[in-house]
Amino acid sequence: MIRTMNSCHMLIRDTGKGKSVFADKDFMSGEFICEFTGKICTKEEYVRLHDPDNNHFLQIDDDRFMGPSNQADDLVNHSCNPNCGLEFANGRIRLRAIREIKKGDELTFDYSTTMDEDCWEMSCLCGDENCRKVIRDFKHLPPELQAGYMALGIVPPYIAKKINPSC
């Protein structure tokens, strides 16, 4: 099944790892792809509501999570070598390219860049040669990878301030 998300230039396809999101055009590094949306809830609500085997929640602050939107943003998969990252600015969460993306490429981001909750982890299926095998909170990433993500501007403020208090 293929669904086109024209306003965001994305395609949703069934793959061997479930539904995945693909670029429907070329994106340049830094280019906006789509905005993440969903109902905001507390950590307590998140712990009660999320399905550990099919989790579509996104941590957006120390005690705030964005629930599923039932849109393409719920289906952007993790990769240990992502081509996208999330930018947190002006109360919005936007997926943007962190390197050139060609039409037909799967859109991915590193889930660890938003995780600081100590209550969920997942086995990784990305298949990258540098796959970490288990996706966990940002604090568990190697320092050089943390620094690289910080330099790209894709680490949310609630995590960045713990790494660099002047953020």
C-alpha atoms as a PDB file:
ATOM      1  CA  MET A   1       0.000   0.000   0.000  1.00  0.00           C
ATOM      2  CA  ILE A   2       1.277   3.461  -0.889  1.00  0.00           C
ATOM      3  CA  ARG A   3      -0.252   6.649   0.459  1.00  0.00           C
ATOM      4  CA  THR A   4       1.038  10.007  -0.657  1.00  0.00           C
ATOM      5  CA  MET A   5       1.325  12.853   1.823  1.00  0.00           C
ATOM      6  CA  ASN A   6       1.524  15.623  -0.813  1.00  0.00           C
ATOM      7  CA  SER A   7       1.747  18.579   1.544  1.00  0.00           C
ATOM      8  CA  CYS A   8       4.884  17.098   3.085  1.00  0.00           C
ATOM      9  CA  HIS A   9       6.242  15.259   0.031  1.00  0.00           C
ATOM     10  CA  MET A  10       6.203  11.890   1.745  1.00  0.00           C
ATOM     11  CA  LEU A  11       5.029   8.410   0.810  1.00  0.00           C
ATOM     12  CA  ILE A  12       3.960   5.739   3.281  1.00  0.00           C
ATOM     13  CA  ARG A  13       4.772   2.195   2.225  1.00  0.00           C
ATOM     14  CA  ASP A  14       4.563  -1.222   3.821  1.00  0.00           C
ATOM     15  CA  THR A  15       8.053  -2.677   4.305  1.00  0.00           C
ATOM     16  CA  GLY A  16       9.578  -5.674   6.029  1.00  0.00           C
ATOM     17  CA  LYS A  17       9.667  -3.653   9.267  1.00  0.00           C
ATOM     18  CA  GLY A  18       6.107  -2.334   8.996  1.00  0.00           C
ATOM     19  CA  LYS A  19       4.954   0.984   7.589  1.00  0.00           C
ATOM     20  CA  SER A  20       7.754   3.341   6.655  1.00  0.00           C
ATOM     21  CA  VAL A  21       7.930   6.893   5.318  1.00  0.00           C
ATOM     22  CA  PHE A  22       9.806   7.735   2.113  1.00  0.00           C
ATOM     23  CA  ALA A  23      10.749  11.002   0.431  1.00  0.00           C
ATOM     24  CA  ASP A  24       8.558  11.905  -2.536  1.00  0.00           C
ATOM     25  CA  LYS A  25      11.100  14.510  -3.692  1.00  0.00           C
ATOM     26  CA  ASP A  26      14.755  15.381  -3.141  1.00  0.00           C
ATOM     27  CA  PHE A  27      15.523  17.291   0.075  1.00  0.00           C
ATOM     28  CA  MET A  28      18.615  19.402   0.687  1.00  0.00           C
ATOM     29  CA  SER A  29      20.386  19.300   4.045  1.00  0.00           C
ATOM     30  CA  GLY A  30      18.566  21.594   6.473  1.00  0.00           C
ATOM     31  CA  GLU A  31      15.296  21.517   4.543  1.00  0.00           C
ATOM     32  CA  PHE A  32      11.976  21.250   6.404  1.00  0.00           C
ATOM     33  CA  ILE A  33      10.097  17.992   5.767  1.00  0.00           C
ATOM     34  CA  CYS A  34       7.071  17.956   8.089  1.00  0.00           C
ATOM     35  CA  GLU A  35       5.782  19.023  11.482  1.00  0.00           C
ATOM     36  CA  PHE A  36       5.087  16.496  14.219  1.00  0.00           C
ATOM     37  CA  THR A  37       1.678  16.826  15.854  1.00  0.00           C
ATOM     38  CA  GLY A  38      -0.384  14.999  18.451  1.00  0.00           C
ATOM     39  CA  LYS A  39      -2.063  15.382  21.808  1.00  0.00           C
ATOM     40  CA  ILE A  40       0.272  16.446  24.628  1.00  0.00           C
ATOM     41  CA  CYS A  41       0.260  14.370  27.812  1.00  0.00           C
ATOM     42  CA  THR A  42       2.265  14.019  31.013  1.00  0.00           C
ATOM     43  CA  LYS A  43       4.829  11.298  31.666  1.00  0.00           C
ATOM     44  CA  GLU A  44       2.323   9.594  33.965  1.00  0.00           C
ATOM     45  CA  GLU A  45      -0.256   9.522  31.150  1.00  0.00           C
ATOM     46  CA  TYR A  46       2.401   8.333  28.682  1.00  0.00           C
ATOM     47  CA  VAL A  47       3.428   5.424  30.916  1.00  0.00           C
ATOM     48  CA  ARG A  48      -0.231   4.430  31.228  1.00  0.00           C
ATOM     49  CA  LEU A  49      -1.175   4.893  27.541  1.00  0.00           C
ATOM     50  CA  HIS A  50       1.780   3.780  25.417  1.00  0.00           C
ATOM     51  CA  ASP A  51       2.111   0.305  23.976  1.00  0.00           C
ATOM     52  CA  PRO A  52       5.755  -0.761  24.506  1.00  0.00           C
ATOM     53  CA  ASP A  53       5.549  -2.978  21.389  1.00  0.00           C
ATOM     54  CA  ASN A  54       4.088  -0.253  19.137  1.00  0.00           C
ATOM     55  CA  ASN A  55       5.041   3.076  20.672  1.00  0.00           C
ATOM     56  CA  HIS A  56       4.148   6.208  18.691  1.00  0.00           C
ATOM     57  CA  PHE A  57       4.732   8.689  21.519  1.00  0.00           C
ATOM     58  CA  LEU A  58       7.484  11.310  21.335  1.00  0.00           C
ATOM     59  CA  GLN A  59       9.101  12.871  24.386  1.00  0.00           C
ATOM     60  CA  ILE A  60       9.004  16.677  24.011  1.00  0.00           C
ATOM     61  CA  ASP A  61      10.059  17.870  27.491  1.00  0.00           C
ATOM     62  CA  ASP A  62      11.084  16.447  30.867  1.00  0.00           C
ATOM     63  CA  ASP A  63       7.471  15.555  31.740  1.00  0.00           C
ATOM     64  CA  ARG A  64       5.681  16.029  28.408  1.00  0.00           C
ATOM     65  CA  PHE A  65       5.040  13.598  25.590  1.00  0.00           C
ATOM     66  CA  MET A  66       3.313  14.002  22.248  1.00  0.00           C
ATOM     67  CA  GLY A  67       0.860  11.247  21.481  1.00  0.00           C
ATOM     68  CA  PRO A  68       0.138   9.702  18.091  1.00  0.00           C
ATOM     69  CA  SER A  69      -1.267  11.957  15.379  1.00  0.00           C
ATOM     70  CA  ASN A  70      -2.360   9.134  13.054  1.00  0.00           C
ATOM     71  CA  GLN A  71      -0.352  10.880  10.337  1.00  0.00           C
ATOM     72  CA  ALA A  72       2.972  10.177   8.636  1.00  0.00           C
ATOM     73  CA  ASP A  73       4.958  11.601  11.585  1.00  0.00           C
ATOM     74  CA  ASP A  74       3.928   8.527  13.614  1.00  0.00           C
ATOM     75  CA  LEU A  75       5.617   6.274  11.059  1.00  0.00           C
ATOM     76  CA  VAL A  76       9.059   7.858  10.637  1.00  0.00           C
ATOM     77  CA  ASN A  77      11.385   5.052  11.693  1.00  0.00           C
ATOM     78  CA  HIS A  78      14.548   5.105  13.772  1.00  0.00           C
ATOM     79  CA  SER A  79      18.005   4.713  12.282  1.00  0.00           C
ATOM     80  CA  CYS A  80      21.397   4.700  13.974  1.00  0.00           C
ATOM     81  CA  ASN A  81      22.546   6.584  10.839  1.00  0.00           C
ATOM     82  CA  PRO A  82      19.594   8.948  10.273  1.00  0.00           C
ATOM     83  CA  ASN A  83      19.031  11.351   7.407  1.00  0.00           C
ATOM     84  CA  CYS A  84      16.688  13.581   9.447  1.00  0.00           C
ATOM     85  CA  GLY A  85      16.493  15.125  12.875  1.00  0.00           C
ATOM     86  CA  LEU A  86      13.891  16.887  14.966  1.00  0.00           C
ATOM     87  CA  GLU A  87      14.139  20.614  15.513  1.00  0.00           C
ATOM     88  CA  PHE A  88      12.368  22.024  18.581  1.00  0.00           C
ATOM     89  CA  ALA A  89      11.626  25.741  18.150  1.00  0.00           C
ATOM     90  CA  ASN A  90       8.811  28.163  18.943  1.00  0.00           C
ATOM     91  CA  GLY A  91       6.642  25.409  20.421  1.00  0.00           C
ATOM     92  CA  ARG A  92       6.849  23.349  17.236  1.00  0.00           C
ATOM     93  CA  ILE A  93       8.585  20.083  16.444  1.00  0.00           C
ATOM     94  CA  ARG A  94       9.756  19.840  12.870  1.00  0.00           C
ATOM     95  CA  LEU A  95      11.475  17.058  10.974  1.00  0.00           C
ATOM     96  CA  ARG A  96      14.298  18.365   8.821  1.00  0.00           C
ATOM     97  CA  ALA A  97      16.941  16.807   6.628  1.00  0.00           C
ATOM     98  CA  ILE A  98      20.401  16.599   8.217  1.00  0.00           C
ATOM     99  CA  ARG A  99      21.985  15.556   4.939  1.00  0.00           C
ATOM    100  CA  GLU A 100      20.905  15.339   1.324  1.00  0.00           C
ATOM    101  CA  ILE A 101      17.952  12.995   0.784  1.00  0.00           C
ATOM    102  CA  LYS A 102      17.009  11.601  -2.613  1.00  0.00           C
ATOM    103  CA  LYS A 103      13.475  10.910  -3.773  1.00  0.00           C
ATOM    104  CA  GLY A 104      12.645   7.357  -2.712  1.00  0.00           C
ATOM    105  CA  ASP A 105      14.948   7.308   0.358  1.00  0.00           C
ATOM    106  CA  GLU A 106      13.391   6.239   3.637  1.00  0.00           C
ATOM    107  CA  LEU A 107      13.106   9.145   6.098  1.00  0.00           C
ATOM    108  CA  THR A 108      14.581   8.318   9.508  1.00  0.00           C
ATOM    109  CA  PHE A 109      15.709  10.003  12.709  1.00  0.00           C
ATOM    110  CA  ASP A 110      17.588   8.717  15.754  1.00  0.00           C
ATOM    111  CA  TYR A 111      14.948   8.149  18.440  1.00  0.00           C
ATOM    112  CA  SER A 112      17.625   8.507  21.128  1.00  0.00           C
ATOM    113  CA  THR A 113      17.904  12.233  20.336  1.00  0.00           C
ATOM    114  CA  THR A 114      14.565  12.841  22.100  1.00  0.00           C
ATOM    115  CA  MET A 115      14.692  10.198  24.816  1.00  0.00           C
ATOM    116  CA  ASP A 116      15.348  11.097  28.449  1.00  0.00           C
ATOM    117  CA  GLU A 117      12.663   9.153  30.250  1.00  0.00           C
ATOM    118  CA  ASP A 118      14.359   6.000  31.621  1.00  0.00           C
ATOM    119  CA  CYS A 119      11.281   3.863  30.992  1.00  0.00           C
ATOM    120  CA  TRP A 120      11.394   2.623  27.398  1.00  0.00           C
ATOM    121  CA  GLU A 121      13.932   1.125  25.047  1.00  0.00           C
ATOM    122  CA  MET A 122      13.685  -0.916  21.889  1.00  0.00           C
ATOM    123  CA  SER A 123      15.647  -3.372  19.804  1.00  0.00           C
ATOM    124  CA  CYS A 124      16.961  -1.713  16.667  1.00  0.00           C
ATOM    125  CA  LEU A 125      16.105  -3.016  13.218  1.00  0.00           C
ATOM    126  CA  CYS A 126      17.853  -0.286  11.194  1.00  0.00           C
ATOM    127  CA  GLY A 127      20.489  -2.622   9.746  1.00  0.00           C
ATOM    128  CA  ASP A 128      23.167   0.081   9.549  1.00  0.00           C
ATOM    129  CA  GLU A 129      26.748  -1.188   9.842  1.00  0.00           C
ATOM    130  CA  ASN A 130      27.116   0.911  13.030  1.00  0.00           C
ATOM    131  CA  CYS A 131      23.770  -0.151  14.502  1.00  0.00           C
ATOM    132  CA  ARG A 132      23.707   0.166  18.304  1.00  0.00           C
ATOM    133  CA  LYS A 133      21.282  -2.823  18.562  1.00  0.00           C
ATOM    134  CA  VAL A 134      19.310  -1.225  21.433  1.00  0.00           C
ATOM    135  CA  ILE A 135      17.809   2.252  21.348  1.00  0.00           C
ATOM    136  CA  ARG A 136      17.927   3.993  24.711  1.00  0.00           C
ATOM    137  CA  ASP A 137      18.040   7.466  26.220  1.00  0.00           C
ATOM    138  CA  PHE A 138      20.361  10.156  24.810  1.00  0.00           C
ATOM    139  CA  LYS A 139      22.670   9.899  27.843  1.00  0.00           C
ATOM    140  CA  HIS A 140      23.671   6.395  26.696  1.00  0.00           C
ATOM    141  CA  LEU A 141      24.978   7.590  23.305  1.00  0.00           C
ATOM    142  CA  PRO A 142      28.751   7.822  22.858  1.00  0.00           C
ATOM    143  CA  PRO A 143      29.968  11.379  23.669  1.00  0.00           C
ATOM    144  CA  GLU A 144      31.149  11.995  20.098  1.00  0.00           C
ATOM    145  CA  LEU A 145      27.692  11.099  18.727  1.00  0.00           C
ATOM    146  CA  GLN A 146      26.030  13.357  21.331  1.00  0.00           C
ATOM    147  CA  ALA A 147      28.313  16.214  20.274  1.00  0.00           C
ATOM    148  CA  GLY A 148      27.561  15.614  16.587  1.00  0.00           C
ATOM    149  CA  TYR A 149      23.815  15.728  17.190  1.00  0.00           C
ATOM    150  CA  MET A 150      24.213  18.870  19.326  1.00  0.00           C
ATOM    151  CA  ALA A 151      26.176  20.538  16.512  1.00  0.00           C
ATOM    152  CA  LEU A 152      23.371  19.693  14.065  1.00  0.00           C
ATOM    153  CA  GLY A 153      20.812  21.395  16.340  1.00  0.00           C
ATOM    154  CA  ILE A 154      18.645  18.289  16.664  1.00  0.00           C
ATOM    155  CA  VAL A 155      18.834  17.787  20.425  1.00  0.00           C
ATOM    156  CA  PRO A 156      15.803  19.217  22.231  1.00  0.00           C
ATOM    157  CA  PRO A 157      16.330  21.848  24.945  1.00  0.00           C
ATOM    158  CA  TYR A 158      15.329  19.539  27.825  1.00  0.00           C
ATOM    159  CA  ILE A 159      18.257  17.257  26.926  1.00  0.00           C
ATOM    160  CA  ALA A 160      20.703  19.907  25.685  1.00  0.00           C
ATOM    161  CA  LYS A 161      20.573  21.782  29.014  1.00  0.00           C
ATOM    162  CA  LYS A 162      21.700  18.605  30.817  1.00  0.00           C
ATOM    163  CA  ILE A 163      24.643  18.169  28.444  1.00  0.00           C
ATOM    164  CA  ASN A 164      25.551  21.864  28.283  1.00  0.00           C
ATOM    165  CA  PRO A 165      23.917  23.959  31.055  1.00  0.00           C
ATOM    166  CA  SER A 166      24.489  27.185  29.066  1.00  0.00           C
ATOM    167  CA  CYS A 167      21.959  26.008  26.408  1.00  0.00           C
END
